[in-house]
Amino acid sequence: MIYYQDEAILIREIRETDPTILCQEEIAQGWEATEEKYHLRLKDMAEQRAIAMVAEWQGNVAAEYGSKVIFGGGFAQWLWQCSANVHQAGIRS
């Protein structure tokens, strides 16, 4: 799913291929990183327990945001409703 897109920026759901790229970039910045946390985010998202988004800058993965949320309130409710509206409208990412 795509949450936002313009000429340079794309914000979308995390994909199975993203953990490797994100981990490599964290290591390049001096972080001790493993792919495990990203695989957990993918699992949590599949179970609808979390939202995990990736930002791309000019076609390259640039950042990740993952958040465990309590559904039924605030931002999470709004975001999942947006998701439902996008799927109902037939818009594909």
PDB file of N, CA and C in Angstrom:
ATOM      1  N   MET A   1       0.835  -1.167   0.000  1.00  0.00           N
ATOM      2  CA  MET A   1       0.000   0.000   0.000  1.00  0.00           C
ATOM      3  C   MET A   1       0.883   1.235   0.000  1.00  0.00           C
ATOM      4  N   ILE A   2       0.468   2.235  -0.728  1.00  0.00           N
ATOM      5  CA  ILE A   2       1.157   3.525  -0.762  1.00  0.00           C
ATOM      6  C   ILE A   2       0.362   4.506   0.090  1.00  0.00           C
ATOM      7  N   TYR A   3       1.066   5.178   1.019  1.00  0.00           N
ATOM      8  CA  TYR A   3       0.430   6.158   1.891  1.00  0.00           C
ATOM      9  C   TYR A   3       0.612   7.572   1.357  1.00  0.00           C
ATOM     10  N   TYR A   4       1.720   7.808   0.651  1.00  0.00           N
ATOM     11  CA  TYR A   4       1.997   9.142   0.110  1.00  0.00           C
ATOM     12  C   TYR A   4       2.969   8.993  -1.043  1.00  0.00           C
ATOM     13  N   GLN A   5       2.809   9.847  -2.071  1.00  0.00           N
ATOM     14  CA  GLN A   5       3.752   9.822  -3.179  1.00  0.00           C
ATOM     15  C   GLN A   5       3.766  11.177  -3.870  1.00  0.00           C
ATOM     16  N   ASP A   6       4.980  11.659  -4.141  1.00  0.00           N
ATOM     17  CA  ASP A   6       5.155  12.819  -5.014  1.00  0.00           C
ATOM     18  C   ASP A   6       6.340  12.526  -5.925  1.00  0.00           C
ATOM     19  N   GLU A   7       6.910  13.538  -6.559  1.00  0.00           N
ATOM     20  CA  GLU A   7       7.985  13.309  -7.528  1.00  0.00           C
ATOM     21  C   GLU A   7       9.223  12.658  -6.908  1.00  0.00           C
ATOM     22  N   ALA A   8       9.518  12.946  -5.642  1.00  0.00           N
ATOM     23  CA  ALA A   8      10.750  12.464  -5.019  1.00  0.00           C
ATOM     24  C   ALA A   8      10.512  11.467  -3.882  1.00  0.00           C
ATOM     25  N   ILE A   9       9.374  11.551  -3.220  1.00  0.00           N
ATOM     26  CA  ILE A   9       9.134  10.787  -1.996  1.00  0.00           C
ATOM     27  C   ILE A   9       7.999   9.785  -2.200  1.00  0.00           C
ATOM     28  N   LEU A  10       8.212   8.594  -1.684  1.00  0.00           N
ATOM     29  CA  LEU A  10       7.186   7.560  -1.660  1.00  0.00           C
ATOM     30  C   LEU A  10       7.168   6.982  -0.253  1.00  0.00           C
ATOM     31  N   ILE A  11       5.997   6.941   0.372  1.00  0.00           N
ATOM     32  CA  ILE A  11       5.841   6.302   1.677  1.00  0.00           C
ATOM     33  C   ILE A  11       4.882   5.137   1.483  1.00  0.00           C
ATOM     34  N   ARG A  12       5.376   3.949   1.820  1.00  0.00           N
ATOM     35  CA  ARG A  12       4.623   2.725   1.544  1.00  0.00           C
ATOM     36  C   ARG A  12       4.812   1.721   2.671  1.00  0.00           C
ATOM     37  N   GLU A  13       4.033   0.638   2.595  1.00  0.00           N
ATOM     38  CA  GLU A  13       4.203  -0.466   3.540  1.00  0.00           C
ATOM     39  C   GLU A  13       5.577  -1.098   3.345  1.00  0.00           C
ATOM     40  N   ILE A  14       6.136  -1.610   4.421  1.00  0.00           N
ATOM     41  CA  ILE A  14       7.390  -2.339   4.338  1.00  0.00           C
ATOM     42  C   ILE A  14       7.185  -3.615   3.529  1.00  0.00           C
ATOM     43  N   ARG A  15       8.222  -4.004   2.780  1.00  0.00           N
ATOM     44  CA  ARG A  15       8.174  -5.218   1.959  1.00  0.00           C
ATOM     45  C   ARG A  15       9.220  -6.211   2.446  1.00  0.00           C
ATOM     46  N   GLU A  16       9.080  -7.459   2.011  1.00  0.00           N
ATOM     47  CA  GLU A  16      10.002  -8.525   2.410  1.00  0.00           C
ATOM     48  C   GLU A  16      11.451  -8.215   2.036  1.00  0.00           C
ATOM     49  N   THR A  17      11.669  -7.433   0.989  1.00  0.00           N
ATOM     50  CA  THR A  17      13.031  -7.117   0.543  1.00  0.00           C
ATOM     51  C   THR A  17      13.667  -5.961   1.315  1.00  0.00           C
ATOM     52  N   ASP A  18      12.890  -5.231   2.090  1.00  0.00           N
ATOM     53  CA  ASP A  18      13.404  -4.037   2.770  1.00  0.00           C
ATOM     54  C   ASP A  18      14.354  -4.303   3.936  1.00  0.00           C
ATOM     55  N   PRO A  19      14.158  -5.339   4.753  1.00  0.00           N
ATOM     56  CA  PRO A  19      15.042  -5.520   5.911  1.00  0.00           C
ATOM     57  C   PRO A  19      16.532  -5.533   5.560  1.00  0.00           C
ATOM     58  N   THR A  20      16.901  -6.183   4.477  1.00  0.00           N
ATOM     59  CA  THR A  20      18.314  -6.240   4.093  1.00  0.00           C
ATOM     60  C   THR A  20      18.856  -4.851   3.807  1.00  0.00           C
ATOM     61  N   ILE A  21      18.129  -4.079   3.024  1.00  0.00           N
ATOM     62  CA  ILE A  21      18.569  -2.724   2.668  1.00  0.00           C
ATOM     63  C   ILE A  21      18.639  -1.844   3.910  1.00  0.00           C
ATOM     64  N   LEU A  22      17.599  -1.864   4.722  1.00  0.00           N
ATOM     65  CA  LEU A  22      17.562  -1.023   5.918  1.00  0.00           C
ATOM     66  C   LEU A  22      18.688  -1.367   6.882  1.00  0.00           C
ATOM     67  N   CYS A  23      18.946  -2.650   7.052  1.00  0.00           N
ATOM     68  CA  CYS A  23      20.005  -3.094   7.953  1.00  0.00           C
ATOM     69  C   CYS A  23      21.374  -2.649   7.425  1.00  0.00           C
ATOM     70  N   GLN A  24      21.613  -2.801   6.136  1.00  0.00           N
ATOM     71  CA  GLN A  24      22.875  -2.365   5.544  1.00  0.00           C
ATOM     72  C   GLN A  24      23.101  -0.874   5.765  1.00  0.00           C
ATOM     73  N   GLU A  25      22.048  -0.084   5.606  1.00  0.00           N
ATOM     74  CA  GLU A  25      22.170   1.356   5.788  1.00  0.00           C
ATOM     75  C   GLU A  25      22.436   1.724   7.246  1.00  0.00           C
ATOM     76  N   GLU A  26      21.801   1.025   8.176  1.00  0.00           N
ATOM     77  CA  GLU A  26      22.059   1.284   9.596  1.00  0.00           C
ATOM     78  C   GLU A  26      23.503   0.956   9.954  1.00  0.00           C
ATOM     79  N   ILE A  27      24.010  -0.153   9.450  1.00  0.00           N
ATOM     80  CA  ILE A  27      25.403  -0.535   9.713  1.00  0.00           C
ATOM     81  C   ILE A  27      26.354   0.511   9.130  1.00  0.00           C
ATOM     82  N   ALA A  28      26.044   1.011   7.933  1.00  0.00           N
ATOM     83  CA  ALA A  28      26.878   2.042   7.307  1.00  0.00           C
ATOM     84  C   ALA A  28      26.920   3.321   8.146  1.00  0.00           C
ATOM     85  N   GLN A  29      25.878   3.552   8.947  1.00  0.00           N
ATOM     86  CA  GLN A  29      25.829   4.730   9.815  1.00  0.00           C
ATOM     87  C   GLN A  29      26.441   4.460  11.183  1.00  0.00           C
ATOM     88  N   GLY A  30      26.962   3.249  11.383  1.00  0.00           N
ATOM     89  CA  GLY A  30      27.621   2.931  12.641  1.00  0.00           C
ATOM     90  C   GLY A  30      26.755   2.244  13.677  1.00  0.00           C
ATOM     91  N   TRP A  31      25.532   1.889  13.328  1.00  0.00           N
ATOM     92  CA  TRP A  31      24.632   1.199  14.255  1.00  0.00           C
ATOM     93  C   TRP A  31      24.925  -0.296  14.243  1.00  0.00           C
ATOM     94  N   GLU A  32      24.707  -0.946  15.375  1.00  0.00           N
ATOM     95  CA  GLU A  32      24.735  -2.401  15.431  1.00  0.00           C
ATOM     96  C   GLU A  32      23.326  -2.856  15.087  1.00  0.00           C
ATOM     97  N   ALA A  33      23.158  -3.341  13.878  1.00  0.00           N
ATOM     98  CA  ALA A  33      21.818  -3.636  13.386  1.00  0.00           C
ATOM     99  C   ALA A  33      21.692  -5.079  12.930  1.00  0.00           C
ATOM    100  N   THR A  34      20.486  -5.617  13.075  1.00  0.00           N
ATOM    101  CA  THR A  34      20.140  -6.917  12.510  1.00  0.00           C
ATOM    102  C   THR A  34      18.799  -6.770  11.799  1.00  0.00           C
ATOM    103  N   GLU A  35      18.525  -7.703  10.933  1.00  0.00           N
ATOM    104  CA  GLU A  35      17.264  -7.663  10.183  1.00  0.00           C
ATOM    105  C   GLU A  35      16.080  -8.126  11.022  1.00  0.00           C
ATOM    106  N   GLU A  36      16.353  -8.728  12.168  1.00  0.00           N
ATOM    107  CA  GLU A  36      15.301  -9.337  12.986  1.00  0.00           C
ATOM    108  C   GLU A  36      14.164  -8.363  13.302  1.00  0.00           C
ATOM    109  N   LYS A  37      14.488  -7.130  13.699  1.00  0.00           N
ATOM    110  CA  LYS A  37      13.419  -6.195  14.082  1.00  0.00           C
ATOM    111  C   LYS A  37      12.488  -5.886  12.907  1.00  0.00           C
ATOM    112  N   TYR A  38      13.049  -5.866  11.701  1.00  0.00           N
ATOM    113  CA  TYR A  38      12.211  -5.596  10.530  1.00  0.00           C
ATOM    114  C   TYR A  38      11.339  -6.795  10.189  1.00  0.00           C
ATOM    115  N   HIS A  39      11.875  -7.996  10.372  1.00  0.00           N
ATOM    116  CA  HIS A  39      11.059  -9.194  10.148  1.00  0.00           C
ATOM    117  C   HIS A  39       9.934  -9.278  11.182  1.00  0.00           C
ATOM    118  N   LEU A  40      10.206  -8.843  12.411  1.00  0.00           N
ATOM    119  CA  LEU A  40       9.144  -8.791  13.423  1.00  0.00           C
ATOM    120  C   LEU A  40       8.074  -7.769  13.030  1.00  0.00           C
ATOM    121  N   ARG A  41       8.488  -6.653  12.452  1.00  0.00           N
ATOM    122  CA  ARG A  41       7.505  -5.655  12.008  1.00  0.00           C
ATOM    123  C   ARG A  41       6.643  -6.207  10.881  1.00  0.00           C
ATOM    124  N   LEU A  42       7.255  -6.938   9.957  1.00  0.00           N
ATOM    125  CA  LEU A  42       6.480  -7.570   8.890  1.00  0.00           C
ATOM    126  C   LEU A  42       5.457  -8.544   9.469  1.00  0.00           C
ATOM    127  N   LYS A  43       5.886  -9.326  10.444  1.00  0.00           N
ATOM    128  CA  LYS A  43       4.991 -10.290  11.091  1.00  0.00           C
ATOM    129  C   LYS A  43       3.861  -9.561  11.821  1.00  0.00           C
ATOM    130  N   ASP A  44       4.206  -8.533  12.600  1.00  0.00           N
ATOM    131  CA  ASP A  44       3.187  -7.773  13.329  1.00  0.00           C
ATOM    132  C   ASP A  44       2.208  -7.117  12.369  1.00  0.00           C
ATOM    133  N   MET A  45       2.708  -6.625  11.250  1.00  0.00           N
ATOM    134  CA  MET A  45       1.826  -5.986  10.282  1.00  0.00           C
ATOM    135  C   MET A  45       0.885  -7.008   9.648  1.00  0.00           C
ATOM    136  N   ALA A  46       1.410  -8.184   9.335  1.00  0.00           N
ATOM    137  CA  ALA A  46       0.573  -9.235   8.756  1.00  0.00           C
ATOM    138  C   ALA A  46      -0.543  -9.645   9.712  1.00  0.00           C
ATOM    139  N   GLU A  47      -0.254  -9.541  11.012  1.00  0.00           N
ATOM    140  CA  GLU A  47      -1.246  -9.875  12.041  1.00  0.00           C
ATOM    141  C   GLU A  47      -2.078  -8.655  12.446  1.00  0.00           C
ATOM    142  N   GLN A  48      -1.928  -7.556  11.731  1.00  0.00           N
ATOM    143  CA  GLN A  48      -2.629  -6.291  11.973  1.00  0.00           C
ATOM    144  C   GLN A  48      -2.427  -5.787  13.399  1.00  0.00           C
ATOM    145  N   ARG A  49      -1.204  -5.964  13.907  1.00  0.00           N
ATOM    146  CA  ARG A  49      -0.857  -5.468  15.232  1.00  0.00           C
ATOM    147  C   ARG A  49       0.058  -4.261  15.141  1.00  0.00           C
ATOM    148  N   ALA A  50       0.480  -3.886  13.932  1.00  0.00           N
ATOM    149  CA  ALA A  50       1.416  -2.784  13.773  1.00  0.00           C
ATOM    150  C   ALA A  50       1.287  -2.190  12.380  1.00  0.00           C
ATOM    151  N   ILE A  51       1.817  -1.010  12.268  1.00  0.00           N
ATOM    152  CA  ILE A  51       1.954  -0.344  10.977  1.00  0.00           C
ATOM    153  C   ILE A  51       3.449  -0.168  10.766  1.00  0.00           C
ATOM    154  N   ALA A  52       3.940  -0.588   9.643  1.00  0.00           N
ATOM    155  CA  ALA A  52       5.359  -0.420   9.321  1.00  0.00           C
ATOM    156  C   ALA A  52       5.458   0.201   7.939  1.00  0.00           C
ATOM    157  N   MET A  53       6.011   1.393   7.895  1.00  0.00           N
ATOM    158  CA  MET A  53       6.121   2.138   6.651  1.00  0.00           C
ATOM    159  C   MET A  53       7.581   2.367   6.302  1.00  0.00           C
ATOM    160  N   VAL A  54       7.847   2.450   5.012  1.00  0.00           N
ATOM    161  CA  VAL A  54       9.180   2.739   4.502  1.00  0.00           C
ATOM    162  C   VAL A  54       9.068   3.978   3.627  1.00  0.00           C
ATOM    163  N   ALA A  55      10.061   4.836   3.754  1.00  0.00           N
ATOM    164  CA  ALA A  55      10.135   6.006   2.884  1.00  0.00           C
ATOM    165  C   ALA A  55      11.204   5.757   1.826  1.00  0.00           C
ATOM    166  N   GLU A  56      10.857   6.078   0.592  1.00  0.00           N
ATOM    167  CA  GLU A  56      11.832   6.041  -0.490  1.00  0.00           C
ATOM    168  C   GLU A  56      12.090   7.475  -0.930  1.00  0.00           C
ATOM    169  N   TRP A  57      13.340   7.772  -1.204  1.00  0.00           N
ATOM    170  CA  TRP A  57      13.735   9.086  -1.738  1.00  0.00           C
ATOM    171  C   TRP A  57      14.318   8.838  -3.117  1.00  0.00           C
ATOM    172  N   GLN A  58      13.658   9.355  -4.123  1.00  0.00           N
ATOM    173  CA  GLN A  58      14.075   9.202  -5.512  1.00  0.00           C
ATOM    174  C   GLN A  58      14.337   7.736  -5.860  1.00  0.00           C
ATOM    175  N   GLY A  59      13.444   6.858  -5.393  1.00  0.00           N
ATOM    176  CA  GLY A  59      13.501   5.449  -5.736  1.00  0.00           C
ATOM    177  C   GLY A  59      14.359   4.576  -4.845  1.00  0.00           C
ATOM    178  N   ASN A  60      15.045   5.163  -3.873  1.00  0.00           N
ATOM    179  CA  ASN A  60      15.899   4.397  -2.968  1.00  0.00           C
ATOM    180  C   ASN A  60      15.305   4.384  -1.566  1.00  0.00           C
ATOM    181  N   VAL A  61      15.316   3.209  -0.935  1.00  0.00           N
ATOM    182  CA  VAL A  61      14.824   3.102   0.436  1.00  0.00           C
ATOM    183  C   VAL A  61      15.662   4.003   1.325  1.00  0.00           C
ATOM    184  N   ALA A  62      14.990   4.868   2.078  1.00  0.00           N
ATOM    185  CA  ALA A  62      15.703   5.871   2.870  1.00  0.00           C
ATOM    186  C   ALA A  62      15.446   5.760   4.362  1.00  0.00           C
ATOM    187  N   ALA A  63      14.291   5.267   4.769  1.00  0.00           N
ATOM    188  CA  ALA A  63      13.959   5.240   6.197  1.00  0.00           C
ATOM    189  C   ALA A  63      12.814   4.268   6.427  1.00  0.00           C
ATOM    190  N   GLU A  64      12.660   3.904   7.693  1.00  0.00           N
ATOM    191  CA  GLU A  64      11.572   3.005   8.091  1.00  0.00           C
ATOM    192  C   GLU A  64      10.939   3.552   9.347  1.00  0.00           C
ATOM    193  N   TYR A  65       9.613   3.376   9.450  1.00  0.00           N
ATOM    194  CA  TYR A  65       8.902   3.738  10.670  1.00  0.00           C
ATOM    195  C   TYR A  65       7.971   2.597  11.007  1.00  0.00           C
ATOM    196  N   GLY A  66       8.115   2.058  12.183  1.00  0.00           N
ATOM    197  CA  GLY A  66       7.221   0.993  12.629  1.00  0.00           C
ATOM    198  C   GLY A  66       6.630   1.374  13.965  1.00  0.00           C
ATOM    199  N   SER A  67       5.368   1.104  14.130  1.00  0.00           N
ATOM    200  CA  SER A  67       4.720   1.467  15.381  1.00  0.00           C
ATOM    201  C   SER A  67       3.676   0.435  15.738  1.00  0.00           C
ATOM    202  N   LYS A  68       3.758  -0.076  16.948  1.00  0.00           N
ATOM    203  CA  LYS A  68       2.668  -0.915  17.451  1.00  0.00           C
ATOM    204  C   LYS A  68       1.554   0.033  17.863  1.00  0.00           C
ATOM    205  N   VAL A  69       0.376  -0.303  17.488  1.00  0.00           N
ATOM    206  CA  VAL A  69      -0.742   0.599  17.728  1.00  0.00           C
ATOM    207  C   VAL A  69      -1.892  -0.143  18.388  1.00  0.00           C
ATOM    208  N   ILE A  70      -2.739   0.600  19.042  1.00  0.00           N
ATOM    209  CA  ILE A  70      -3.970   0.059  19.602  1.00  0.00           C
ATOM    210  C   ILE A  70      -5.077   0.465  18.639  1.00  0.00           C
ATOM    211  N   PHE A  71      -5.661  -0.519  17.979  1.00  0.00           N
ATOM    212  CA  PHE A  71      -6.680  -0.207  16.993  1.00  0.00           C
ATOM    213  C   PHE A  71      -7.963   0.222  17.677  1.00  0.00           C
ATOM    214  N   GLY A  72      -8.666   1.104  17.005  1.00  0.00           N
ATOM    215  CA  GLY A  72      -9.910   1.609  17.533  1.00  0.00           C
ATOM    216  C   GLY A  72      -9.785   3.042  18.026  1.00  0.00           C
ATOM    217  N   GLY A  73      -8.614   3.625  17.935  1.00  0.00           N
ATOM    218  CA  GLY A  73      -8.463   4.992  18.394  1.00  0.00           C
ATOM    219  C   GLY A  73      -7.513   5.794  17.540  1.00  0.00           C
ATOM    220  N   GLY A  74      -7.769   7.071  17.458  1.00  0.00           N
ATOM    221  CA  GLY A  74      -6.856   8.046  16.891  1.00  0.00           C
ATOM    222  C   GLY A  74      -6.292   7.728  15.532  1.00  0.00           C
ATOM    223  N   PHE A  75      -4.989   7.919  15.426  1.00  0.00           N
ATOM    224  CA  PHE A  75      -4.279   7.803  14.163  1.00  0.00           C
ATOM    225  C   PHE A  75      -4.430   6.428  13.535  1.00  0.00           C
ATOM    226  N   ALA A  76      -4.316   5.390  14.335  1.00  0.00           N
ATOM    227  CA  ALA A  76      -4.404   4.034  13.792  1.00  0.00           C
ATOM    228  C   ALA A  76      -5.744   3.789  13.123  1.00  0.00           C
ATOM    229  N   GLN A  77      -6.805   4.225  13.764  1.00  0.00           N
ATOM    230  CA  GLN A  77      -8.132   4.042  13.188  1.00  0.00           C
ATOM    231  C   GLN A  77      -8.241   4.797  11.863  1.00  0.00           C
ATOM    232  N   TRP A  78      -7.734   6.023  11.842  1.00  0.00           N
ATOM    233  CA  TRP A  78      -7.765   6.827  10.624  1.00  0.00           C
ATOM    234  C   TRP A  78      -6.958   6.167   9.517  1.00  0.00           C
ATOM    235  N   LEU A  79      -5.752   5.685   9.862  1.00  0.00           N
ATOM    236  CA  LEU A  79      -4.874   5.093   8.859  1.00  0.00           C
ATOM    237  C   LEU A  79      -5.484   3.826   8.274  1.00  0.00           C
ATOM    238  N   TRP A  80      -6.060   2.969   9.120  1.00  0.00           N
ATOM    239  CA  TRP A  80      -6.666   1.749   8.598  1.00  0.00           C
ATOM    240  C   TRP A  80      -7.907   2.061   7.780  1.00  0.00           C
ATOM    241  N   GLN A  81      -8.626   3.134   8.116  1.00  0.00           N
ATOM    242  CA  GLN A  81      -9.775   3.529   7.299  1.00  0.00           C
ATOM    243  C   GLN A  81      -9.298   4.022   5.938  1.00  0.00           C
ATOM    244  N   CYS A  82      -8.196   4.776   5.913  1.00  0.00           N
ATOM    245  CA  CYS A  82      -7.619   5.202   4.634  1.00  0.00           C
ATOM    246  C   CYS A  82      -7.259   3.983   3.795  1.00  0.00           C
ATOM    247  N   SER A  83      -6.667   2.984   4.437  1.00  0.00           N
ATOM    248  CA  SER A  83      -6.292   1.754   3.752  1.00  0.00           C
ATOM    249  C   SER A  83      -7.529   1.097   3.139  1.00  0.00           C
ATOM    250  N   ALA A  84      -8.583   1.004   3.913  1.00  0.00           N
ATOM    251  CA  ALA A  84      -9.822   0.388   3.411  1.00  0.00           C
ATOM    252  C   ALA A  84     -10.386   1.184   2.246  1.00  0.00           C
ATOM    253  N   ASN A  85     -10.344   2.512   2.335  1.00  0.00           N
ATOM    254  CA  ASN A  85     -10.856   3.359   1.264  1.00  0.00           C
ATOM    255  C   ASN A  85     -10.051   3.185  -0.014  1.00  0.00           C
ATOM    256  N   VAL A  86      -8.737   3.095   0.122  1.00  0.00           N
ATOM    257  CA  VAL A  86      -7.879   2.906  -1.042  1.00  0.00           C
ATOM    258  C   VAL A  86      -8.193   1.581  -1.702  1.00  0.00           C
ATOM    259  N   HIS A  87      -8.318   0.508  -0.912  1.00  0.00           N
ATOM    260  CA  HIS A  87      -8.607  -0.795  -1.489  1.00  0.00           C
ATOM    261  C   HIS A  87     -10.000  -0.829  -2.119  1.00  0.00           C
ATOM    262  N   GLN A  88     -10.966  -0.181  -1.513  1.00  0.00           N
ATOM    263  CA  GLN A  88     -12.321  -0.134  -2.077  1.00  0.00           C
ATOM    264  C   GLN A  88     -12.337   0.615  -3.411  1.00  0.00           C
ATOM    265  N   ALA A  89     -11.505   1.652  -3.509  1.00  0.00           N
ATOM    266  CA  ALA A  89     -11.450   2.444  -4.725  1.00  0.00           C
ATOM    267  C   ALA A  89     -10.692   1.733  -5.848  1.00  0.00           C
ATOM    268  N   GLY A  90     -10.048   0.621  -5.501  1.00  0.00           N
ATOM    269  CA  GLY A  90      -9.329  -0.135  -6.503  1.00  0.00           C
ATOM    270  C   GLY A  90      -7.947   0.425  -6.817  1.00  0.00           C
ATOM    271  N   ILE A  91      -7.440   1.296  -5.969  1.00  0.00           N
ATOM    272  CA  ILE A  91      -6.107   1.861  -6.173  1.00  0.00           C
ATOM    273  C   ILE A  91      -5.101   0.826  -5.718  1.00  0.00           C
ATOM    274  N   ARG A  92      -4.120   0.572  -6.555  1.00  0.00           N
ATOM    275  CA  ARG A  92      -3.122  -0.440  -6.219  1.00  0.00           C
ATOM    276  C   ARG A  92      -1.757   0.207  -6.041  1.00  0.00           C
ATOM    277  N   SER A  93      -0.998  -0.349  -5.085  1.00  0.00           N
ATOM    278  CA  SER A  93       0.353   0.165  -4.868  1.00  0.00           C
ATOM    279  C   SER A  93       1.335  -0.585  -5.714  1.00  0.00           C
TER     280      SER A  93
END
